[in-house]
C-alpha cells in the first residue's frame, strides 16, 4: 500500500524534469528520468521517498492508502516512453523523442494536477479484461 500524496509529489517532480527535457532537448536528463521510472516500477521511486508530510495531525494523514500495483505499472509505462525517447534521440529523431517525452509529461501532469493516473487506469482496465477472459474460459 502506498500514500497517494507521495505519488502526487513524485508526479510533480517528474513533470518538472520532463518539462526541462522538452525545453533543453537533453537525452541525459531523460536517461536520468528513465532510471527513476525503473526504480519506481520496482516500488522504490526516489521522488516519492523525498516526500515528508508536515506534522502528524489527522489532517495530514492520508484518507486511505492505495494499492501499489497500479502506480508501479504506471511507472513501467513511463519507463517505456522514456526508453522510446532515448532510442529516438540515439537515432537522431529528435522530434519523435520529444513527442515521446511530451506524452510522458502529459500523463505525469494529469496525475500531479488532478490525481488522474493514466497508467493506473490502464492497469485496472487490463485487470478487468483479463479477469473477464479468465472467467469466460472457466
N, C-alpha and C. Protein backbone atom coordinates (compact mmCIF):
# COMPACT_ATOMS: atom_id res chain seq x y z
N UNK A 1 0.84 -1.18 0.00
CA UNK A 1 0.00 0.00 0.00
C UNK A 1 0.89 1.25 0.00
N UNK A 2 0.42 2.27 -0.68
CA UNK A 2 1.20 3.49 -0.80
C UNK A 2 0.36 4.72 -0.45
N UNK A 3 1.03 5.73 0.00
CA UNK A 3 0.42 7.01 0.34
C UNK A 3 0.21 7.79 -0.96
N UNK A 4 -1.03 8.11 -1.34
CA UNK A 4 -1.26 8.81 -2.60
C UNK A 4 -0.61 10.19 -2.66
N UNK A 5 -0.36 10.81 -1.50
CA UNK A 5 0.30 12.11 -1.50
C UNK A 5 1.73 11.98 -2.01
N UNK A 6 2.38 10.89 -1.66
CA UNK A 6 3.74 10.66 -2.15
C UNK A 6 3.74 10.53 -3.67
N UNK A 7 2.72 9.83 -4.18
CA UNK A 7 2.64 9.62 -5.62
C UNK A 7 2.44 10.93 -6.36
N UNK A 8 1.60 11.81 -5.83
CA UNK A 8 1.37 13.10 -6.49
C UNK A 8 2.60 13.98 -6.39
N UNK A 9 3.30 13.93 -5.27
CA UNK A 9 4.54 14.68 -5.13
C UNK A 9 5.55 14.20 -6.18
N UNK A 10 5.67 12.89 -6.31
CA UNK A 10 6.57 12.32 -7.31
C UNK A 10 6.15 12.73 -8.72
N UNK A 11 4.85 12.78 -8.96
CA UNK A 11 4.35 13.20 -10.28
C UNK A 11 4.72 14.64 -10.57
N UNK A 12 4.68 15.52 -9.56
CA UNK A 12 5.08 16.91 -9.75
C UNK A 12 6.56 16.99 -10.12
N UNK A 13 7.40 16.24 -9.42
CA UNK A 13 8.83 16.27 -9.74
C UNK A 13 9.09 15.70 -11.13
N UNK A 14 8.39 14.63 -11.46
CA UNK A 14 8.52 14.04 -12.80
C UNK A 14 8.09 15.05 -13.86
N UNK A 15 7.00 15.76 -13.61
CA UNK A 15 6.53 16.79 -14.54
C UNK A 15 7.61 17.84 -14.76
N UNK A 16 8.23 18.28 -13.68
CA UNK A 16 9.28 19.30 -13.79
C UNK A 16 10.47 18.78 -14.60
N UNK A 17 10.91 17.57 -14.31
CA UNK A 17 12.06 17.01 -15.01
C UNK A 17 11.75 16.85 -16.50
N UNK A 18 10.58 16.31 -16.82
CA UNK A 18 10.24 16.10 -18.23
C UNK A 18 10.03 17.43 -18.96
N UNK A 19 9.54 18.44 -18.27
CA UNK A 19 9.42 19.77 -18.88
C UNK A 19 10.80 20.32 -19.23
N UNK A 20 11.76 20.12 -18.35
CA UNK A 20 13.13 20.57 -18.63
C UNK A 20 13.71 19.80 -19.81
N UNK A 21 13.39 18.50 -19.90
CA UNK A 21 13.85 17.71 -21.06
C UNK A 21 13.29 18.33 -22.34
N UNK A 22 12.01 18.69 -22.33
CA UNK A 22 11.41 19.29 -23.53
C UNK A 22 12.06 20.61 -23.89
N UNK A 23 12.37 21.43 -22.89
CA UNK A 23 12.95 22.74 -23.14
C UNK A 23 14.40 22.62 -23.62
N UNK A 24 15.15 21.72 -23.00
CA UNK A 24 16.58 21.61 -23.31
C UNK A 24 16.90 20.57 -24.38
N UNK A 25 16.00 19.60 -24.57
CA UNK A 25 16.29 18.52 -25.50
C UNK A 25 17.39 17.61 -25.00
N UNK A 26 17.53 17.48 -23.69
CA UNK A 26 18.62 16.72 -23.09
C UNK A 26 18.32 15.23 -22.98
N UNK A 27 18.99 14.40 -23.78
CA UNK A 27 18.80 12.95 -23.62
C UNK A 27 19.36 12.45 -22.28
N UNK A 28 20.35 13.15 -21.75
CA UNK A 28 20.94 12.74 -20.47
C UNK A 28 19.94 12.89 -19.33
N UNK A 29 19.21 13.98 -19.33
CA UNK A 29 18.20 14.17 -18.30
C UNK A 29 17.06 13.16 -18.48
N UNK A 30 16.70 12.86 -19.72
CA UNK A 30 15.68 11.85 -19.97
C UNK A 30 16.17 10.49 -19.50
N UNK A 31 17.44 10.21 -19.68
CA UNK A 31 18.01 8.94 -19.19
C UNK A 31 17.92 8.87 -17.67
N UNK A 32 18.20 9.98 -17.00
CA UNK A 32 18.08 10.01 -15.54
C UNK A 32 16.63 9.76 -15.12
N UNK A 33 15.69 10.36 -15.83
CA UNK A 33 14.28 10.13 -15.51
C UNK A 33 13.90 8.68 -15.79
N UNK A 34 14.48 8.08 -16.81
CA UNK A 34 14.21 6.67 -17.09
C UNK A 34 14.64 5.80 -15.92
N UNK A 35 15.76 6.14 -15.31
CA UNK A 35 16.23 5.40 -14.13
C UNK A 35 15.22 5.56 -12.99
N UNK A 36 14.70 6.77 -12.81
CA UNK A 36 13.69 7.00 -11.77
C UNK A 36 12.44 6.16 -12.06
N UNK A 37 12.01 6.13 -13.32
CA UNK A 37 10.86 5.30 -13.69
C UNK A 37 11.14 3.83 -13.39
N UNK A 38 12.34 3.35 -13.73
CA UNK A 38 12.69 1.95 -13.48
C UNK A 38 12.65 1.64 -11.99
N UNK A 39 13.19 2.53 -11.19
CA UNK A 39 13.15 2.33 -9.73
C UNK A 39 11.70 2.36 -9.23
N UNK A 40 10.91 3.26 -9.77
CA UNK A 40 9.50 3.35 -9.39
C UNK A 40 8.73 2.09 -9.75
N UNK A 41 9.05 1.50 -10.88
CA UNK A 41 8.40 0.26 -11.29
C UNK A 41 8.73 -0.88 -10.32
N UNK A 42 9.86 -0.76 -9.65
CA UNK A 42 10.26 -1.75 -8.64
C UNK A 42 9.74 -1.40 -7.26
N UNK A 43 9.04 -0.27 -7.15
CA UNK A 43 8.47 0.14 -5.88
C UNK A 43 9.38 1.00 -5.04
N UNK A 44 10.41 1.57 -5.66
CA UNK A 44 11.38 2.38 -4.90
C UNK A 44 11.59 3.74 -5.56
N UNK A 45 10.51 4.44 -5.87
CA UNK A 45 10.61 5.74 -6.53
C UNK A 45 11.34 6.74 -5.62
N UNK A 46 12.51 7.22 -6.05
CA UNK A 46 13.25 8.15 -5.20
C UNK A 46 12.52 9.48 -4.98
N UNK A 47 11.72 9.93 -5.93
CA UNK A 47 10.97 11.16 -5.74
C UNK A 47 9.95 11.00 -4.62
N UNK A 48 9.25 9.88 -4.62
CA UNK A 48 8.24 9.63 -3.58
C UNK A 48 8.89 9.55 -2.21
N UNK A 49 10.10 9.05 -2.16
CA UNK A 49 10.80 8.94 -0.88
C UNK A 49 11.21 10.30 -0.33
N UNK A 50 11.26 11.30 -1.19
CA UNK A 50 11.59 12.65 -0.74
C UNK A 50 10.43 13.32 -0.01
N UNK A 51 9.23 12.83 -0.25
CA UNK A 51 8.03 13.46 0.33
C UNK A 51 8.03 13.26 1.84
N UNK A 52 7.84 14.34 2.55
CA UNK A 52 7.73 14.31 4.01
C UNK A 52 6.52 15.14 4.42
N UNK A 53 5.46 14.51 4.92
CA UNK A 53 4.30 15.30 5.35
C UNK A 53 4.67 16.17 6.54
N UNK A 54 4.06 17.33 6.59
CA UNK A 54 4.31 18.24 7.70
C UNK A 54 3.44 17.83 8.88
N UNK A 55 4.06 17.72 10.04
CA UNK A 55 3.31 17.38 11.25
C UNK A 55 2.76 15.97 11.22
N UNK A 56 2.04 15.63 12.24
CA UNK A 56 1.45 14.30 12.31
C UNK A 56 -0.03 14.36 12.69
N UNK A 57 -0.66 15.50 12.41
CA UNK A 57 -2.07 15.64 12.76
C UNK A 57 -2.92 14.76 11.85
N UNK A 58 -4.13 14.44 12.27
CA UNK A 58 -5.01 13.63 11.42
C UNK A 58 -5.29 14.26 10.06
N UNK A 59 -5.20 15.60 9.99
CA UNK A 59 -5.43 16.28 8.71
C UNK A 59 -4.36 15.94 7.70
N UNK A 60 -3.13 15.63 8.15
CA UNK A 60 -2.05 15.33 7.21
C UNK A 60 -1.97 13.85 6.88
N UNK A 61 -2.69 13.02 7.64
CA UNK A 61 -2.68 11.59 7.37
C UNK A 61 -3.47 11.31 6.10
N UNK A 62 -3.04 10.35 5.29
CA UNK A 62 -3.80 10.04 4.08
C UNK A 62 -5.17 9.49 4.44
N UNK A 63 -6.16 9.88 3.66
CA UNK A 63 -7.51 9.39 3.91
C UNK A 63 -7.52 7.88 3.79
N UNK A 64 -6.92 7.38 2.74
CA UNK A 64 -6.77 5.94 2.59
C UNK A 64 -5.56 5.67 1.70
N UNK A 65 -4.92 4.56 1.98
CA UNK A 65 -3.78 4.16 1.18
C UNK A 65 -4.27 3.50 -0.09
N UNK A 66 -3.42 3.49 -1.10
CA UNK A 66 -3.77 2.87 -2.38
C UNK A 66 -2.93 1.63 -2.59
N UNK A 67 -3.43 0.72 -3.39
CA UNK A 67 -2.67 -0.46 -3.76
C UNK A 67 -1.43 -0.03 -4.55
N UNK A 68 -0.34 -0.73 -4.36
CA UNK A 68 0.91 -0.36 -5.01
C UNK A 68 1.00 -0.81 -6.46
N UNK A 69 0.24 -1.81 -6.85
CA UNK A 69 0.34 -2.36 -8.20
C UNK A 69 0.09 -1.36 -9.32
N UNK A 70 -1.03 -0.64 -9.29
CA UNK A 70 -1.29 0.31 -10.38
C UNK A 70 -0.23 1.40 -10.52
N UNK A 71 0.23 2.05 -9.43
CA UNK A 71 1.27 3.06 -9.61
C UNK A 71 2.60 2.47 -10.12
N UNK A 72 2.91 1.27 -9.70
CA UNK A 72 4.14 0.64 -10.20
C UNK A 72 4.03 0.37 -11.69
N UNK A 73 2.85 -0.08 -12.14
CA UNK A 73 2.62 -0.29 -13.57
C UNK A 73 2.73 1.04 -14.32
N UNK A 74 2.19 2.10 -13.73
CA UNK A 74 2.27 3.43 -14.35
C UNK A 74 3.72 3.86 -14.53
N UNK A 75 4.56 3.55 -13.55
CA UNK A 75 5.99 3.86 -13.67
C UNK A 75 6.62 3.06 -14.81
N UNK A 76 6.16 1.82 -14.98
CA UNK A 76 6.65 1.00 -16.09
C UNK A 76 6.26 1.60 -17.43
N UNK A 77 5.04 2.11 -17.52
CA UNK A 77 4.58 2.77 -18.75
C UNK A 77 5.44 4.02 -19.00
N UNK A 78 5.71 4.79 -17.95
CA UNK A 78 6.59 5.95 -18.10
C UNK A 78 7.97 5.55 -18.58
N UNK A 79 8.47 4.42 -18.06
CA UNK A 79 9.77 3.91 -18.49
C UNK A 79 9.76 3.57 -19.98
N UNK A 80 8.68 2.97 -20.44
CA UNK A 80 8.58 2.63 -21.88
C UNK A 80 8.67 3.90 -22.73
N UNK A 81 7.95 4.95 -22.33
CA UNK A 81 8.00 6.21 -23.08
C UNK A 81 9.39 6.86 -23.00
N UNK A 82 10.01 6.79 -21.84
CA UNK A 82 11.35 7.38 -21.70
C UNK A 82 12.37 6.61 -22.53
N UNK A 83 12.30 5.30 -22.52
CA UNK A 83 13.23 4.50 -23.32
C UNK A 83 12.98 4.74 -24.81
N UNK A 84 11.70 4.84 -25.20
CA UNK A 84 11.40 5.16 -26.60
C UNK A 84 12.02 6.50 -26.98
N UNK A 85 11.89 7.48 -26.09
CA UNK A 85 12.51 8.79 -26.35
C UNK A 85 14.02 8.68 -26.47
N UNK A 86 14.64 7.89 -25.61
CA UNK A 86 16.10 7.73 -25.67
C UNK A 86 16.54 7.06 -26.96
N UNK A 87 15.79 6.04 -27.37
CA UNK A 87 16.12 5.36 -28.64
C UNK A 87 15.98 6.35 -29.79
N UNK A 88 14.92 7.12 -29.78
CA UNK A 88 14.72 8.10 -30.86
C UNK A 88 15.80 9.18 -30.85
N UNK A 89 16.22 9.62 -29.64
CA UNK A 89 17.34 10.56 -29.57
C UNK A 89 18.58 9.93 -30.19
N UNK A 90 18.85 8.67 -29.85
CA UNK A 90 20.04 7.98 -30.37
C UNK A 90 20.00 7.83 -31.89
N UNK A 91 18.80 7.69 -32.43
CA UNK A 91 18.64 7.56 -33.88
C UNK A 91 18.63 8.91 -34.60
N UNK A 92 18.70 9.98 -33.82
CA UNK A 92 18.69 11.32 -34.41
C UNK A 92 17.30 11.85 -34.70
N UNK A 93 16.28 11.13 -34.23
CA UNK A 93 14.90 11.55 -34.44
C UNK A 93 14.45 12.39 -33.24
N UNK A 94 14.99 13.59 -33.16
CA UNK A 94 14.75 14.45 -32.00
C UNK A 94 13.27 14.77 -31.84
N UNK A 95 12.58 15.04 -32.92
CA UNK A 95 11.16 15.36 -32.84
C UNK A 95 10.38 14.20 -32.23
N UNK A 96 10.65 13.00 -32.68
CA UNK A 96 9.99 11.81 -32.12
C UNK A 96 10.31 11.63 -30.65
N UNK A 97 11.57 11.89 -30.29
CA UNK A 97 11.98 11.77 -28.88
C UNK A 97 11.22 12.77 -28.03
N UNK A 98 11.06 13.97 -28.53
CA UNK A 98 10.34 15.00 -27.78
C UNK A 98 8.85 14.70 -27.70
N UNK A 99 8.30 14.05 -28.71
CA UNK A 99 6.90 13.64 -28.67
C UNK A 99 6.70 12.56 -27.60
N UNK A 100 7.61 11.59 -27.55
CA UNK A 100 7.53 10.55 -26.51
C UNK A 100 7.65 11.18 -25.12
N UNK A 101 8.55 12.14 -24.99
CA UNK A 101 8.72 12.84 -23.72
C UNK A 101 7.47 13.62 -23.37
N UNK A 102 6.88 14.28 -24.35
CA UNK A 102 5.66 15.05 -24.12
C UNK A 102 4.51 14.15 -23.68
N UNK A 103 4.44 12.95 -24.22
CA UNK A 103 3.39 12.01 -23.81
C UNK A 103 3.56 11.64 -22.33
N UNK A 104 4.80 11.35 -21.94
CA UNK A 104 5.06 11.03 -20.54
C UNK A 104 4.79 12.24 -19.65
N UNK A 105 5.17 13.41 -20.13
CA UNK A 105 4.92 14.65 -19.38
C UNK A 105 3.42 14.88 -19.19
N UNK A 106 2.65 14.66 -20.22
CA UNK A 106 1.19 14.84 -20.13
C UNK A 106 0.59 13.93 -19.07
N UNK A 107 1.01 12.68 -19.06
CA UNK A 107 0.50 11.73 -18.07
C UNK A 107 0.92 12.14 -16.65
N UNK A 108 2.16 12.57 -16.50
CA UNK A 108 2.64 12.99 -15.18
C UNK A 108 1.89 14.23 -14.70
N UNK A 109 1.64 15.17 -15.60
CA UNK A 109 0.93 16.38 -15.23
C UNK A 109 -0.52 16.09 -14.84
N UNK A 110 -1.18 15.20 -15.57
CA UNK A 110 -2.55 14.82 -15.20
C UNK A 110 -2.59 14.21 -13.80
N UNK A 111 -1.59 13.39 -13.50
CA UNK A 111 -1.53 12.77 -12.17
C UNK A 111 -1.25 13.82 -11.10
N UNK A 112 -0.28 14.68 -11.36
CA UNK A 112 0.11 15.69 -10.38
C UNK A 112 -1.01 16.69 -10.11
N UNK A 113 -1.59 17.22 -11.16
CA UNK A 113 -2.56 18.30 -11.00
C UNK A 113 -3.97 17.82 -10.63
N UNK A 114 -4.36 16.67 -11.16
CA UNK A 114 -5.75 16.24 -10.99
C UNK A 114 -5.90 14.88 -10.30
N UNK A 115 -4.78 14.22 -10.01
CA UNK A 115 -4.86 12.90 -9.39
C UNK A 115 -5.33 11.82 -10.34
N UNK A 116 -5.26 12.10 -11.64
CA UNK A 116 -5.68 11.13 -12.65
C UNK A 116 -4.44 10.40 -13.17
N UNK A 117 -4.29 9.17 -12.76
CA UNK A 117 -3.12 8.37 -13.15
C UNK A 117 -3.51 7.50 -14.34
N UNK A 118 -3.07 7.89 -15.53
CA UNK A 118 -3.43 7.15 -16.74
C UNK A 118 -2.89 5.73 -16.72
N UNK A 119 -1.65 5.57 -16.26
CA UNK A 119 -1.07 4.23 -16.17
C UNK A 119 -1.84 3.35 -15.20
N UNK A 120 -2.30 3.94 -14.10
CA UNK A 120 -3.11 3.19 -13.12
C UNK A 120 -4.44 2.76 -13.74
N UNK A 121 -5.05 3.66 -14.49
CA UNK A 121 -6.31 3.34 -15.15
C UNK A 121 -6.10 2.24 -16.19
N UNK A 122 -4.98 2.29 -16.91
CA UNK A 122 -4.67 1.24 -17.88
C UNK A 122 -4.48 -0.10 -17.18
N UNK A 123 -3.79 -0.07 -16.05
CA UNK A 123 -3.58 -1.28 -15.25
C UNK A 123 -4.93 -1.90 -14.87
N UNK A 124 -5.84 -1.07 -14.36
CA UNK A 124 -7.14 -1.57 -13.93
C UNK A 124 -7.96 -2.09 -15.11
N UNK A 125 -7.85 -1.43 -16.25
CA UNK A 125 -8.55 -1.89 -17.45
C UNK A 125 -8.04 -3.26 -17.88
N UNK A 126 -6.72 -3.41 -17.89
CA UNK A 126 -6.13 -4.71 -18.26
C UNK A 126 -6.56 -5.78 -17.27
N UNK A 127 -6.58 -5.45 -15.98
CA UNK A 127 -7.01 -6.41 -14.97
C UNK A 127 -8.46 -6.85 -15.21
N UNK A 128 -9.32 -5.88 -15.49
CA UNK A 128 -10.73 -6.20 -15.75
C UNK A 128 -10.88 -7.07 -16.98
N UNK A 129 -10.14 -6.74 -18.03
CA UNK A 129 -10.24 -7.50 -19.27
C UNK A 129 -9.72 -8.93 -19.09
N UNK A 130 -8.62 -9.09 -18.41
CA UNK A 130 -8.06 -10.43 -18.22
C UNK A 130 -8.90 -11.23 -17.23
N UNK A 131 -9.49 -10.56 -16.25
CA UNK A 131 -10.35 -11.26 -15.29
C UNK A 131 -11.60 -11.79 -15.99
N UNK A 132 -12.20 -10.98 -16.84
CA UNK A 132 -13.39 -11.42 -17.59
C UNK A 132 -13.03 -12.57 -18.50
N UNK A 133 -11.87 -12.45 -19.13
CA UNK A 133 -11.45 -13.52 -20.06
C UNK A 133 -11.22 -14.82 -19.31
N UNK A 134 -10.60 -14.75 -18.15
CA UNK A 134 -10.37 -15.96 -17.36
C UNK A 134 -11.69 -16.55 -16.90
N UNK A 135 -12.64 -15.71 -16.52
CA UNK A 135 -13.94 -16.20 -16.07
C UNK A 135 -14.72 -16.85 -17.19
N UNK A 136 -14.54 -16.38 -18.43
CA UNK A 136 -15.26 -16.92 -19.57
C UNK A 136 -14.76 -18.30 -19.95
N UNK A 137 -13.50 -18.60 -19.69
CA UNK A 137 -12.94 -19.89 -20.07
C UNK A 137 -13.12 -20.94 -18.99
N UNK A 138 -13.49 -20.52 -17.79
CA UNK A 138 -13.61 -21.47 -16.68
C UNK A 138 -14.90 -22.24 -16.71
